[in-house]
C-alpha atoms as a PDB file:
ATOM      1  CA  MET A   1      38.425-174.988-224.326  1.00  0.00           C
ATOM      2  CA  LYS A   2      40.039-172.499-221.911  1.00  0.00           C
ATOM      3  CA  ILE A   3      40.105-172.976-218.150  1.00  0.00           C
ATOM      4  CA  PHE A   4      38.684-170.066-216.087  1.00  0.00           C
ATOM      5  CA  VAL A   5      39.177-169.102-212.453  1.00  0.00           C
ATOM      6  CA  CYS A   6      36.085-168.456-210.365  1.00  0.00           C
ATOM      7  CA  GLY A   7      36.008-165.290-208.252  1.00  0.00           C
ATOM      8  CA  SER A   8      36.869-161.687-208.946  1.00  0.00           C
ATOM      9  CA  ALA A   9      37.805-162.274-212.568  1.00  0.00           C
ATOM     10  CA  ALA A  10      34.476-163.921-213.276  1.00  0.00           C
ATOM     11  CA  ARG A  11      32.619-161.101-211.495  1.00  0.00           C
ATOM     12  CA  SER A  12      34.612-158.246-212.953  1.00  0.00           C
ATOM     13  CA  GLY A  13      32.460-157.832-216.043  1.00  0.00           C
ATOM     14  CA  THR A  14      35.400-156.517-218.096  1.00  0.00           C
ATOM     15  CA  ARG A  15      35.339-156.662-221.877  1.00  0.00           C
ATOM     16  CA  GLU A  16      38.197-159.193-221.863  1.00  0.00           C
ATOM     17  CA  THR A  17      36.271-161.507-219.568  1.00  0.00           C
ATOM     18  CA  LYS A  18      33.204-161.252-221.756  1.00  0.00           C
ATOM     19  CA  ARG A  19      35.217-162.090-224.898  1.00  0.00           C
ATOM     20  CA  GLU A  20      36.691-165.143-223.151  1.00  0.00           C
ATOM     21  CA  VAL A  21      33.216-166.251-222.148  1.00  0.00           C
ATOM     22  CA  MET A  22      31.952-165.881-225.705  1.00  0.00           C
ATOM     23  CA  ARG A  23      34.846-167.925-227.102  1.00  0.00           C
ATOM     24  CA  ALA A  24      34.209-170.630-224.549  1.00  0.00           C
ATOM     25  CA  ARG A  25      30.594-171.184-225.547  1.00  0.00           C
ATOM     26  CA  LEU A  26      29.744-174.556-227.034  1.00  0.00           C
ATOM     27  CA  PRO A  27      27.877-174.942-230.298  1.00  0.00           C
ATOM     28  CA  GLY A  28      24.324-173.782-229.810  1.00  0.00           C
ATOM     29  CA  GLY A  29      25.421-170.921-227.532  1.00  0.00           C
ATOM     30  CA  LYS A  30      25.527-172.960-224.313  1.00  0.00           C
ATOM     31  CA  LEU A  31      28.191-172.456-221.641  1.00  0.00           C
ATOM     32  CA  PRO A  32      30.276-175.421-220.500  1.00  0.00           C
ATOM     33  CA  ALA A  33      28.824-176.870-217.288  1.00  0.00           C
ATOM     34  CA  MET A  34      31.951-175.987-215.295  1.00  0.00           C
ATOM     35  CA  LEU A  35      31.919-172.356-216.442  1.00  0.00           C
ATOM     36  CA  ALA A  36      28.200-171.959-215.875  1.00  0.00           C
ATOM     37  CA  GLY A  37      28.633-173.320-212.356  1.00  0.00           C
ATOM     38  CA  CYS A  38      31.474-170.911-211.746  1.00  0.00           C
ATOM     39  CA  PHE A  39      29.319-167.899-212.594  1.00  0.00           C
ATOM     40  CA  ALA A  40      26.451-169.216-210.505  1.00  0.00           C
ATOM     41  CA  LEU A  41      28.813-169.601-207.531  1.00  0.00           C
ATOM     42  CA  ALA A  42      30.230-166.108-208.015  1.00  0.00           C
ATOM     43  CA  ALA A  43      26.748-164.632-208.101  1.00  0.00           C
ATOM     44  CA  SER A  44      25.723-166.441-204.931  1.00  0.00           C
ATOM     45  CA  CYS A  45      28.902-165.334-203.125  1.00  0.00           C
ATOM     46  CA  ALA A  46      28.329-161.709-204.137  1.00  0.00           C
ATOM     47  CA  GLY A  47      24.855-161.812-202.613  1.00  0.00           C
ATOM     48  CA  ALA A  48      25.863-163.618-199.419  1.00  0.00           C
ATOM     49  CA  PRO A  49      26.452-160.538-197.207  1.00  0.00           C
ATOM     50  CA  VAL A  50      23.096-159.056-198.177  1.00  0.00           C
ATOM     51  CA  ALA A  51      21.356-162.364-197.537  1.00  0.00           C
ATOM     52  CA  ALA A  52      23.091-162.600-194.152  1.00  0.00           C
ATOM     53  CA  ALA A  53      21.849-159.126-193.233  1.00  0.00           C
ATOM     54  CA  ASP A  54      18.304-160.033-194.292  1.00  0.00           C
ATOM     55  CA  ALA A  55      18.353-163.075-192.000  1.00  0.00           C
ATOM     56  CA  TYR A  56      20.024-161.169-189.141  1.00  0.00           C
ATOM     57  CA  PRO A  57      19.370-161.530-186.277  1.00  0.00           C
ATOM     58  CA  ASN A  58      18.170-165.104-185.849  1.00  0.00           C
ATOM     59  CA  LYS A  59      19.431-165.548-182.282  1.00  0.00           C
ATOM     60  CA  PRO A  60      19.923-163.332-179.184  1.00  0.00           C
ATOM     61  CA  ILE A  61      22.393-160.434-179.328  1.00  0.00           C
ATOM     62  CA  ARG A  62      24.742-159.633-176.445  1.00  0.00           C
ATOM     63  CA  ILE A  63      25.870-156.113-175.562  1.00  0.00           C
ATOM     64  CA  ILE A  64      28.976-156.246-173.382  1.00  0.00           C
ATOM     65  CA  VAL A  65      29.359-153.351-170.947  1.00  0.00           C
ATOM     66  CA  PRO A  66      33.000-153.451-169.731  1.00  0.00           C
ATOM     67  CA  VAL A  67      32.260-151.478-166.549  1.00  0.00           C
ATOM     68  CA  ALA A  68      30.098-152.047-163.479  1.00  0.00           C
ATOM     69  CA  ALA A  69      26.344-151.544-163.584  1.00  0.00           C
ATOM     70  CA  GLY A  70      24.898-148.207-162.575  1.00  0.00           C
ATOM     71  CA  GLY A  71      26.979-145.762-164.604  1.00  0.00           C
ATOM     72  CA  THR A  72      26.133-143.812-167.733  1.00  0.00           C
ATOM     73  CA  VAL A  73      27.514-146.440-170.130  1.00  0.00           C
ATOM     74  CA  ASP A  74      25.335-149.083-168.464  1.00  0.00           C
ATOM     75  CA  LEU A  75      22.247-146.845-168.490  1.00  0.00           C
ATOM     76  CA  VAL A  76      22.547-146.043-172.182  1.00  0.00           C
ATOM     77  CA  ALA A  77      23.337-149.660-173.103  1.00  0.00           C
ATOM     78  CA  ARG A  78      20.188-150.908-171.361  1.00  0.00           C
ATOM     79  CA  LEU A  79      17.991-148.322-173.064  1.00  0.00           C
ATOM     80  CA  VAL A  80      19.506-149.282-176.418  1.00  0.00           C
ATOM     81  CA  ALA A  81      19.090-153.009-175.705  1.00  0.00           C
ATOM     82  CA  LYS A  82      15.414-152.666-174.859  1.00  0.00           C
ATOM     83  CA  GLY A  83      14.627-150.632-177.959  1.00  0.00           C
ATOM     84  CA  LEU A  84      16.850-152.715-180.228  1.00  0.00           C
ATOM     85  CA  SER A  85      15.016-155.857-179.158  1.00  0.00           C
ATOM     86  CA  GLU A  86      11.766-154.221-180.224  1.00  0.00           C
ATOM     87  CA  GLU A  87      13.147-152.979-183.538  1.00  0.00           C
ATOM     88  CA  LEU A  88      14.808-156.270-184.531  1.00  0.00           C
ATOM     89  CA  HIS A  89      12.261-158.620-182.892  1.00  0.00           C
ATOM     90  CA  GLN A  90      15.014-160.512-181.113  1.00  0.00           C
ATOM     91  CA  SER A  91      16.315-160.719-177.548  1.00  0.00           C
ATOM     92  CA  VAL A  92      19.136-158.317-176.720  1.00  0.00           C
ATOM     93  CA  ILE A  93      20.978-159.039-173.478  1.00  0.00           C
ATOM     94  CA  VAL A  94      23.256-156.645-171.564  1.00  0.00           C
ATOM     95  CA  GLU A  95      26.194-158.276-169.780  1.00  0.00           C
ATOM     96  CA  ASN A  96      28.391-156.276-167.410  1.00  0.00           C
ATOM     97  CA  LYS A  97      31.985-157.507-167.496  1.00  0.00           C
ATOM     98  CA  PRO A  98      34.063-155.024-165.482  1.00  0.00           C
ATOM     99  CA  GLY A  99      37.738-155.448-164.768  1.00  0.00           C
ATOM    100  CA  ALA A 100      41.093-153.818-165.484  1.00  0.00           C
ATOM    101  CA  SER A 101      39.468-150.418-166.083  1.00  0.00           C
ATOM    102  CA  GLY A 102      37.230-151.802-168.807  1.00  0.00           C
ATOM    103  CA  LEU A 103      39.937-153.687-170.660  1.00  0.00           C
ATOM    104  CA  LEU A 104      38.681-157.225-169.946  1.00  0.00           C
ATOM    105  CA  GLY A 105      35.248-156.837-171.498  1.00  0.00           C
ATOM    106  CA  THR A 106      36.661-154.835-174.391  1.00  0.00           C
ATOM    107  CA  ARG A 107      39.197-157.530-175.221  1.00  0.00           C
ATOM    108  CA  GLU A 108      36.461-160.165-175.172  1.00  0.00           C
ATOM    109  CA  VAL A 109      34.484-158.338-177.859  1.00  0.00           C
ATOM    110  CA  ALA A 110      37.620-157.698-179.926  1.00  0.00           C
ATOM    111  CA  ARG A 111      38.135-161.473-180.096  1.00  0.00           C
ATOM    112  CA  ALA A 112      34.480-162.404-180.609  1.00  0.00           C
ATOM    113  CA  ALA A 113      33.087-163.774-183.874  1.00  0.00           C
ATOM    114  CA  PRO A 114      32.399-160.909-186.307  1.00  0.00           C
ATOM    115  CA  ASP A 115      28.772-161.862-186.869  1.00  0.00           C
ATOM    116  CA  GLY A 116      26.869-159.040-185.159  1.00  0.00           C
ATOM    117  CA  TYR A 117      25.821-161.095-182.144  1.00  0.00           C
ATOM    118  CA  THR A 118      28.405-159.654-179.727  1.00  0.00           C
ATOM    119  CA  LEU A 119      28.526-155.865-179.392  1.00  0.00           C
ATOM    120  CA  LEU A 120      30.422-153.468-177.128  1.00  0.00           C
ATOM    121  CA  ALA A 121      29.040-150.435-175.292  1.00  0.00           C
ATOM    122  CA  VAL A 122      31.732-147.904-174.378  1.00  0.00           C
ATOM    123  CA  ALA A 123      32.615-144.354-173.463  1.00  0.00           C
ATOM    124  CA  ASN A 124      35.558-142.544-175.045  1.00  0.00           C
ATOM    125  CA  THR A 125      37.949-144.068-172.503  1.00  0.00           C
ATOM    126  CA  PHE A 126      37.781-146.977-174.957  1.00  0.00           C
ATOM    127  CA  VAL A 127      39.839-144.797-177.309  1.00  0.00           C
ATOM    128  CA  SER A 128      42.141-143.232-174.742  1.00  0.00           C
ATOM    129  CA  ALA A 129      43.086-146.373-172.772  1.00  0.00           C
ATOM    130  CA  PRO A 130      45.474-147.857-175.388  1.00  0.00           C
ATOM    131  CA  GLN A 131      47.302-144.520-175.494  1.00  0.00           C
ATOM    132  CA  PHE A 132      48.033-144.583-171.760  1.00  0.00           C
ATOM    133  CA  VAL A 133      47.899-148.219-170.616  1.00  0.00           C
ATOM    134  CA  PRO A 134      50.782-150.490-171.646  1.00  0.00           C
ATOM    135  CA  ASP A 135      49.582-153.695-173.294  1.00  0.00           C
ATOM    136  CA  ALA A 136      45.924-152.666-173.354  1.00  0.00           C
ATOM    137  CA  GLY A 137      45.308-155.680-175.569  1.00  0.00           C
ATOM    138  CA  TYR A 138      43.325-154.056-178.365  1.00  0.00           C
ATOM    139  CA  ASP A 139      43.460-151.385-181.048  1.00  0.00           C
ATOM    140  CA  PRO A 140      40.340-149.154-181.095  1.00  0.00           C
ATOM    141  CA  ILE A 141      40.542-148.756-184.869  1.00  0.00           C
ATOM    142  CA  ALA A 142      41.907-152.065-186.192  1.00  0.00           C
ATOM    143  CA  ASP A 143      40.027-154.431-183.868  1.00  0.00           C
ATOM    144  CA  PHE A 144      36.524-152.973-184.080  1.00  0.00           C
ATOM    145  CA  ALA A 145      33.844-152.043-186.580  1.00  0.00           C
ATOM    146  CA  PRO A 146      32.233-148.723-185.595  1.00  0.00           C
ATOM    147  CA  VAL A 147      28.439-148.925-185.420  1.00  0.00           C
ATOM    148  CA  THR A 148      27.314-145.599-183.991  1.00  0.00           C
ATOM    149  CA  GLN A 149      27.829-142.964-181.373  1.00  0.00           C
ATOM    150  CA  THR A 150      24.854-142.960-179.025  1.00  0.00           C
ATOM    151  CA  CYS A 151      25.167-139.763-177.011  1.00  0.00           C
ATOM    152  CA  GLN A 152      27.383-136.968-175.783  1.00  0.00           C
ATOM    153  CA  ILE A 153      27.759-135.997-172.142  1.00  0.00           C
ATOM    154  CA  PRO A 154      29.095-132.567-171.186  1.00  0.00           C
ATOM    155  CA  MET A 155      31.705-132.430-168.479  1.00  0.00           C
ATOM    156  CA  VAL A 156      31.912-129.656-165.936  1.00  0.00           C
ATOM    157  CA  LEU A 157      34.876-128.135-164.140  1.00  0.00           C
ATOM    158  CA  VAL A 158      33.878-128.141-160.472  1.00  0.00           C
ATOM    159  CA  ALA A 159      35.733-126.783-157.465  1.00  0.00           C
ATOM    160  CA  HIS A 160      35.422-127.198-153.716  1.00  0.00           C
ATOM    161  CA  PRO A 161      33.791-124.113-152.121  1.00  0.00           C
ATOM    162  CA  SER A 162      37.027-123.391-150.234  1.00  0.00           C
ATOM    163  CA  VAL A 163      38.755-122.557-153.523  1.00  0.00           C
ATOM    164  CA  PRO A 164      38.518-118.741-153.752  1.00  0.00           C
ATOM    165  CA  GLN A 165      38.717-118.642-157.543  1.00  0.00           C
ATOM    166  CA  HIS A 166      35.150-118.766-158.869  1.00  0.00           C
ATOM    167  CA  THR A 167      35.876-118.286-162.562  1.00  0.00           C
ATOM    168  CA  VAL A 168      37.927-120.168-165.154  1.00  0.00           C
ATOM    169  CA  LYS A 169      40.081-117.099-165.801  1.00  0.00           C
ATOM    170  CA  ALA A 170      40.874-116.661-162.099  1.00  0.00           C
ATOM    171  CA  LEU A 171      41.765-120.343-161.756  1.00  0.00           C
ATOM    172  CA  ILE A 172      44.115-120.161-164.743  1.00  0.00           C
ATOM    173  CA  ASP A 173      45.781-117.053-163.308  1.00  0.00           C
ATOM    174  CA  ARG A 174      46.389-118.858-160.000  1.00  0.00           C
ATOM    175  CA  ALA A 175      47.728-121.980-161.716  1.00  0.00           C
ATOM    176  CA  ARG A 176      50.120-119.884-163.796  1.00  0.00           C
ATOM    177  CA  ALA A 177      51.341-117.978-160.758  1.00  0.00           C
ATOM    178  CA  HIS A 178      51.791-121.131-158.666  1.00  0.00           C
ATOM    179  CA  PRO A 179      52.710-124.139-160.865  1.00  0.00           C
ATOM    180  CA  GLY A 180      51.721-127.501-159.354  1.00  0.00           C
ATOM    181  CA  GLU A 181      49.655-125.963-156.564  1.00  0.00           C
ATOM    182  CA  VAL A 182      46.184-126.534-158.005  1.00  0.00           C
ATOM    183  CA  SER A 183      45.248-130.184-157.492  1.00  0.00           C
ATOM    184  CA  TYR A 184      42.734-132.058-159.611  1.00  0.00           C
ATOM    185  CA  ALA A 185      41.088-135.423-158.952  1.00  0.00           C
ATOM    186  CA  SER A 186      40.469-138.126-161.555  1.00  0.00           C
ATOM    187  CA  SER A 187      39.768-141.850-161.689  1.00  0.00           C
ATOM    188  CA  GLY A 188      43.155-142.530-163.201  1.00  0.00           C
ATOM    189  CA  VAL A 189      45.402-141.935-166.170  1.00  0.00           C
ATOM    190  CA  GLY A 190      43.414-142.174-169.384  1.00  0.00           C
ATOM    191  CA  SER A 191      40.038-141.532-167.705  1.00  0.00           C
ATOM    192  CA  THR A 192      37.718-138.850-169.033  1.00  0.00           C
ATOM    193  CA  GLY A 193      38.479-136.532-166.109  1.00  0.00           C
ATOM    194  CA  TYR A 194      42.215-136.983-166.583  1.00  0.00           C
ATOM    195  CA  ILE A 195      41.976-136.288-170.313  1.00  0.00           C
ATOM    196  CA  ALA A 196      39.939-133.121-169.777  1.00  0.00           C
ATOM    197  CA  ALA A 197      42.343-131.821-167.113  1.00  0.00           C
ATOM    198  CA  GLU A 198      45.398-132.473-169.275  1.00  0.00           C
ATOM    199  CA  LEU A 199      43.816-130.825-172.317  1.00  0.00           C
ATOM    200  CA  PHE A 200      42.896-127.852-170.125  1.00  0.00           C
ATOM    201  CA  SER A 201      46.446-127.616-168.734  1.00  0.00           C
ATOM    202  CA  LYS A 202      48.057-127.758-172.163  1.00  0.00           C
ATOM    203  CA  GLN A 203      45.761-125.199-173.724  1.00  0.00           C
ATOM    204  CA  ALA A 204      45.994-122.826-170.748  1.00  0.00           C
ATOM    205  CA  GLY A 205      49.753-123.279-170.426  1.00  0.00           C
ATOM    206  CA  VAL A 206      49.614-124.305-166.771  1.00  0.00           C
ATOM    207  CA  LYS A 207      50.925-127.134-164.608  1.00  0.00           C
ATOM    208  CA  MET A 208      48.489-128.775-162.176  1.00  0.00           C
ATOM    209  CA  LEU A 209      48.894-131.625-159.694  1.00  0.00           C
ATOM    210  CA  GLY A 210      46.986-134.761-160.728  1.00  0.00           C
ATOM    211  CA  VAL A 211      45.656-137.041-157.970  1.00  0.00           C
ATOM    212  CA  SER A 212      44.450-140.420-159.248  1.00  0.00           C
ATOM    213  CA  TYR A 213      41.812-142.526-157.514  1.00  0.00           C
ATOM    214  CA  LYS A 214      40.649-146.088-158.027  1.00  0.00           C
ATOM    215  CA  GLY A 215      37.200-144.902-159.104  1.00  0.00           C
ATOM    216  CA  ASN A 216      35.246-141.786-160.023  1.00  0.00           C
ATOM    217  CA  SER A 217      32.981-141.955-156.974  1.00  0.00           C
ATOM    218  CA  GLN A 218      35.974-141.977-154.628  1.00  0.00           C
ATOM    219  CA  ALA A 219      37.481-139.002-156.440  1.00  0.00           C
ATOM    220  CA  LEU A 220      34.199-137.095-156.220  1.00  0.00           C
ATOM    221  CA  THR A 221      33.851-137.916-152.517  1.00  0.00           C
ATOM    222  CA  ASP A 222      37.283-136.470-151.743  1.00  0.00           C
ATOM    223  CA  LEU A 223      36.518-133.376-153.821  1.00  0.00           C
ATOM    224  CA  VAL A 224      33.309-132.745-151.853  1.00  0.00           C
ATOM    225  CA  GLY A 225      35.306-133.343-148.674  1.00  0.00           C
ATOM    226  CA  GLY A 226      37.925-130.760-149.659  1.00  0.00           C
ATOM    227  CA  GLN A 227      40.837-133.200-150.026  1.00  0.00           C
ATOM    228  CA  VAL A 228      41.467-131.944-153.581  1.00  0.00           C
ATOM    229  CA  MET A 229      40.642-128.618-155.193  1.00  0.00           C
ATOM    230  CA  ILE A 230      39.023-129.243-158.576  1.00  0.00           C
ATOM    231  CA  MET A 231      37.760-131.985-160.855  1.00  0.00           C
ATOM    232  CA  PHE A 232      36.458-132.424-164.386  1.00  0.00           C
ATOM    233  CA  ASP A 233      33.369-134.606-164.079  1.00  0.00           C
ATOM    234  CA  GLN A 234      30.238-135.435-166.048  1.00  0.00           C
ATOM    235  CA  VAL A 235      27.327-133.100-165.389  1.00  0.00           C
ATOM    236  CA  SER A 236      25.163-136.164-164.826  1.00  0.00           C
ATOM    237  CA  THR A 237      27.053-136.962-161.596  1.00  0.00           C
ATOM    238  CA  SER A 238      28.328-133.567-160.385  1.00  0.00           C
ATOM    239  CA  GLY A 239      25.181-131.619-161.199  1.00  0.00           C
ATOM    240  CA  THR A 240      23.458-132.696-157.995  1.00  0.00           C
ATOM    241  CA  TYR A 241      26.348-131.430-155.844  1.00  0.00           C
ATOM    242  CA  VAL A 242      26.406-128.131-157.720  1.00  0.00           C
ATOM    243  CA  LYS A 243      22.685-127.573-157.199  1.00  0.00           C
ATOM    244  CA  ALA A 244      23.066-128.454-153.511  1.00  0.00           C
ATOM    245  CA  GLY A 245      25.849-125.874-153.086  1.00  0.00           C
ATOM    246  CA  LYS A 246      28.460-128.498-152.208  1.00  0.00           C
ATOM    247  CA  LEU A 247      30.549-127.717-155.298  1.00  0.00           C
ATOM    248  CA  ASN A 248      31.065-124.642-157.446  1.00  0.00           C
ATOM    249  CA  ALA A 249      30.728-125.049-161.220  1.00  0.00           C
ATOM    250  CA  LEU A 250      33.237-122.908-163.126  1.00  0.00           C
ATOM    251  CA  GLY A 251      32.452-124.011-166.671  1.00  0.00           C
ATOM    252  CA  VAL A 252      31.290-126.844-168.917  1.00  0.00           C
ATOM    253  CA  THR A 253      33.642-128.418-171.433  1.00  0.00           C
ATOM    254  CA  THR A 254      31.333-128.356-174.457  1.00  0.00           C
ATOM    255  CA  THR A 255      30.889-125.520-176.963  1.00  0.00           C
ATOM    256  CA  THR A 256      27.309-124.936-175.782  1.00  0.00           C
ATOM    257  CA  ARG A 257      25.892-124.727-172.273  1.00  0.00           C
ATOM    258  CA  SER A 258      24.427-127.785-170.593  1.00  0.00           C
ATOM    259  CA  LYS A 259      20.658-128.005-170.289  1.00  0.00           C
ATOM    260  CA  LEU A 260      21.197-129.446-166.814  1.00  0.00           C
ATOM    261  CA  LEU A 261      23.275-126.421-165.718  1.00  0.00           C
ATOM    262  CA  PRO A 262      22.068-123.608-168.007  1.00  0.00           C
ATOM    263  CA  ASP A 263      23.551-120.824-165.856  1.00  0.00           C
ATOM    264  CA  VAL A 264      27.067-122.256-166.013  1.00  0.00           C
ATOM    265  CA  PRO A 265      29.151-120.810-168.884  1.00  0.00           C
ATOM    266  CA  THR A 266      31.279-122.854-171.229  1.00  0.00           C
ATOM    267  CA  ILE A 267      34.980-122.908-170.431  1.00  0.00           C
ATOM    268  CA  ALA A 268      35.573-121.306-173.820  1.00  0.00           C
ATOM    269  CA  GLU A 269      33.444-118.284-172.964  1.00  0.00           C
ATOM    270  CA  ALA A 270      34.642-118.141-169.341  1.00  0.00           C
ATOM    271  CA  GLY A 271      38.355-117.667-169.965  1.00  0.00           C
ATOM    272  CA  LEU A 272      39.854-120.286-172.297  1.00  0.00           C
ATOM    273  CA  PRO A 273      38.711-119.581-175.884  1.00  0.00           C
ATOM    274  CA  GLY A 274      38.549-122.594-178.175  1.00  0.00           C
ATOM    275  CA  PHE A 275      38.493-125.192-175.400  1.00  0.00           C
ATOM    276  CA  GLU A 276      36.239-128.182-176.035  1.00  0.00           C
ATOM    277  CA  ASP A 277      36.042-131.707-174.631  1.00  0.00           C
ATOM    278  CA  ASP A 278      33.113-134.007-174.035  1.00  0.00           C
ATOM    279  CA  THR A 279      32.368-137.623-173.289  1.00  0.00           C
ATOM    280  CA  PHE A 280      30.722-139.773-175.921  1.00  0.00           C
ATOM    281  CA  ASN A 281      29.126-143.194-175.584  1.00  0.00           C
ATOM    282  CA  ALA A 282      29.020-145.634-178.465  1.00  0.00           C
ATOM    283  CA  ILE A 283      28.267-149.113-179.774  1.00  0.00           C
ATOM    284  CA  LEU A 284      30.869-151.153-181.672  1.00  0.00           C
ATOM    285  CA  ALA A 285      31.168-154.632-183.177  1.00  0.00           C
ATOM    286  CA  PRO A 286      34.222-156.824-183.786  1.00  0.00           C
ATOM    287  CA  ALA A 287      36.286-155.964-186.855  1.00  0.00           C
ATOM    288  CA  LYS A 288      35.197-157.655-190.108  1.00  0.00           C
ATOM    289  CA  THR A 289      31.534-157.762-189.113  1.00  0.00           C
ATOM    290  CA  PRO A 290      29.678-157.659-192.474  1.00  0.00           C
ATOM    291  CA  ALA A 291      28.892-154.095-193.527  1.00  0.00           C
ATOM    292  CA  PRO A 292      25.185-154.799-194.159  1.00  0.00           C
ATOM    293  CA  VAL A 293      24.851-156.128-190.607  1.00  0.00           C
ATOM    294  CA  VAL A 294      26.630-153.068-189.185  1.00  0.00           C
ATOM    295  CA  THR A 295      24.345-150.783-191.196  1.00  0.00           C
ATOM    296  CA  LYS A 296      21.252-152.636-190.002  1.00  0.00           C
ATOM    297  CA  LEU A 297      22.394-152.225-186.387  1.00  0.00           C
ATOM    298  CA  HIS A 298      23.203-148.556-186.904  1.00  0.00           C
ATOM    299  CA  ASP A 299      19.810-147.760-188.390  1.00  0.00           C
ATOM    300  CA  ALA A 300      17.906-149.651-185.698  1.00  0.00           C
ATOM    301  CA  ILE A 301      19.866-148.053-182.836  1.00  0.00           C
ATOM    302  CA  ALA A 302      19.385-144.586-184.353  1.00  0.00           C
ATOM    303  CA  LYS A 303      15.612-145.168-184.360  1.00  0.00           C
ATOM    304  CA  VAL A 304      15.724-146.172-180.700  1.00  0.00           C
ATOM    305  CA  LEU A 305      17.746-143.122-179.713  1.00  0.00           C
ATOM    306  CA  ARG A 306      15.392-140.743-181.526  1.00  0.00           C
ATOM    307  CA  ARG A 307      12.374-141.993-179.617  1.00  0.00           C
ATOM    308  CA  PRO A 308      10.927-139.207-177.423  1.00  0.00           C
ATOM    309  CA  GLU A 309      10.959-141.470-174.360  1.00  0.00           C
ATOM    310  CA  THR A 310      14.667-142.220-174.829  1.00  0.00           C
ATOM    311  CA  GLU A 311      15.540-138.548-175.168  1.00  0.00           C
ATOM    312  CA  ALA A 312      13.436-137.743-172.092  1.00  0.00           C
ATOM    313  CA  VAL A 313      15.154-140.313-169.855  1.00  0.00           C
ATOM    314  CA  LEU A 314      18.662-139.306-170.904  1.00  0.00           C
ATOM    315  CA  GLY A 315      17.879-135.592-170.992  1.00  0.00           C
ATOM    316  CA  LYS A 316      17.058-135.632-167.277  1.00  0.00           C
ATOM    317  CA  GLN A 317      20.654-136.767-166.707  1.00  0.00           C
ATOM    318  CA  GLY A 318      22.090-133.985-168.865  1.00  0.00           C
ATOM    319  CA  ILE A 319      22.895-136.507-171.615  1.00  0.00           C
ATOM    320  CA  GLU A 320      22.413-135.411-175.224  1.00  0.00           C
ATOM    321  CA  VAL A 321      21.214-138.092-177.642  1.00  0.00           C
ATOM    322  CA  LYS A 322      23.452-137.911-180.696  1.00  0.00           C
ATOM    323  CA  PRO A 323      23.568-140.941-183.032  1.00  0.00           C
ATOM    324  CA  SER A 324      26.104-140.802-185.856  1.00  0.00           C
ATOM    325  CA  ALA A 325      24.867-140.172-189.380  1.00  0.00           C
ATOM    326  CA  SER A 326      26.467-143.468-190.458  1.00  0.00           C
ATOM    327  CA  PRO A 327      28.989-146.058-189.267  1.00  0.00           C
ATOM    328  CA  GLU A 328      31.590-144.314-191.446  1.00  0.00           C
ATOM    329  CA  ALA A 329      30.869-140.976-189.764  1.00  0.00           C
ATOM    330  CA  PHE A 330      31.420-142.530-186.357  1.00  0.00           C
ATOM    331  CA  GLY A 331      34.631-144.127-187.617  1.00  0.00           C
ATOM    332  CA  ALA A 332      35.911-140.647-188.451  1.00  0.00           C
ATOM    333  CA  ILE A 333      35.084-139.501-184.895  1.00  0.00           C
ATOM    334  CA  LEU A 334      37.095-142.392-183.468  1.00  0.00           C
ATOM    335  CA  LYS A 335      40.127-141.619-185.623  1.00  0.00           C
ATOM    336  CA  HIS A 336      40.009-137.946-184.617  1.00  0.00           C
ATOM    337  CA  ALA A 337      39.817-138.935-180.928  1.00  0.00           C
ATOM    338  CA  VAL A 338      42.852-141.217-181.274  1.00  0.00           C
ATOM    339  CA  GLU A 339      44.907-138.353-182.694  1.00  0.00           C
ATOM    340  CA  LYS A 340      43.738-135.999-179.933  1.00  0.00           C
ATOM    341  CA  TYR A 341      44.733-138.384-177.162  1.00  0.00           C
ATOM    342  CA  ARG A 342      48.100-139.128-178.729  1.00  0.00           C
ATOM    343  CA  ALA A 343      48.963-135.451-178.355  1.00  0.00           C
ATOM    344  CA  ILE A 344      48.632-135.557-174.567  1.00  0.00           C
ATOM    345  CA  ASP A 345      51.745-135.910-172.432  1.00  0.00           C
ATOM    346  CA  HIS A 346      50.760-138.683-170.010  1.00  0.00           C
ATOM    347  CA  GLU A 347      52.656-138.824-166.767  1.00  0.00           C
ATOM    348  CA  THR A 348      51.085-141.344-164.428  1.00  0.00           C
ATOM    349  CA  ALA A 349      50.022-139.907-161.098  1.00  0.00           C
ATOM    350  CA  PRO A 350      50.195-142.282-158.124  1.00  0.00           C
ATOM    351  CA  ALA A 351      46.864-143.865-157.170  1.00  0.00           C
ATOM    352  CA  LYS A 352      45.413-142.762-153.872  1.00  0.00           C
ATOM    353  CA  SER A 353      44.081-145.542-151.670  1.00  0.00           C
END
């Protein structure tokens, strides 16, 4: 009698395997006990991921938010957690773990067990940070399993009222005529505001002066106070200042106008054709999380995001609900973002205290 190896060969179903099985049958057409056990084991292993997904979740799920409470990432994560708990009939807990510009909480999830019980809520700085921060401690593609994008948030180019240029075209003309004169605020190298400003500079062919702050709120405060000239910021935070007349909005970074600022043109239509940049939020799991579990999470989160009450809450903040069609579709978005950020020349601006 021949000796067979359990595993892929036994599951392959090839003609050669079938012939070997037939030759190994005992009189009466029965399989040797060892071989029969091998096929039973292979069948059970093949069904294990599906069975795991059917049983999932059987204990509370944690969503790690690697930034402080109160921001957009935290808001979206808490809305998702509440709805996900209802969809999966299991507790979903949000834990804020800020530190090192979001790196600490992100690293924790990268090293967590790939079982679907520890998730990560992020913005696209999750993708840009490893491109700009030495020893970030994680790879956004290799160390994570993409679950879904949750939303997109337009950014807006805002200027202090003392800046005489009230259009994108006029601002570009000034920056070209006086390289390094136009100053922009951001919350640091690799932040969403920094990325948008650098993409704008490259596409417009201008050189601007970057001023980095320890946080977005500090940068916005100095912009309102006239310490810097312009800033790329989310409409959800700058919109209030624009409506109050404390800042001038020159253009939004998306290809369509923001519902929160419908009278503000896109940067593409206002003087820089083809320009586009937005902020996305997303949910990820550790790499090697079983695909059926990832799919189950994706489908449940998508249902939560499509609820009218979810869209209403986020819409008031100028946030567009936009779940990915599939985990694979979101994976493609991540890979495209990595390539985009790699193309940016990152020169660290000194932090302002």
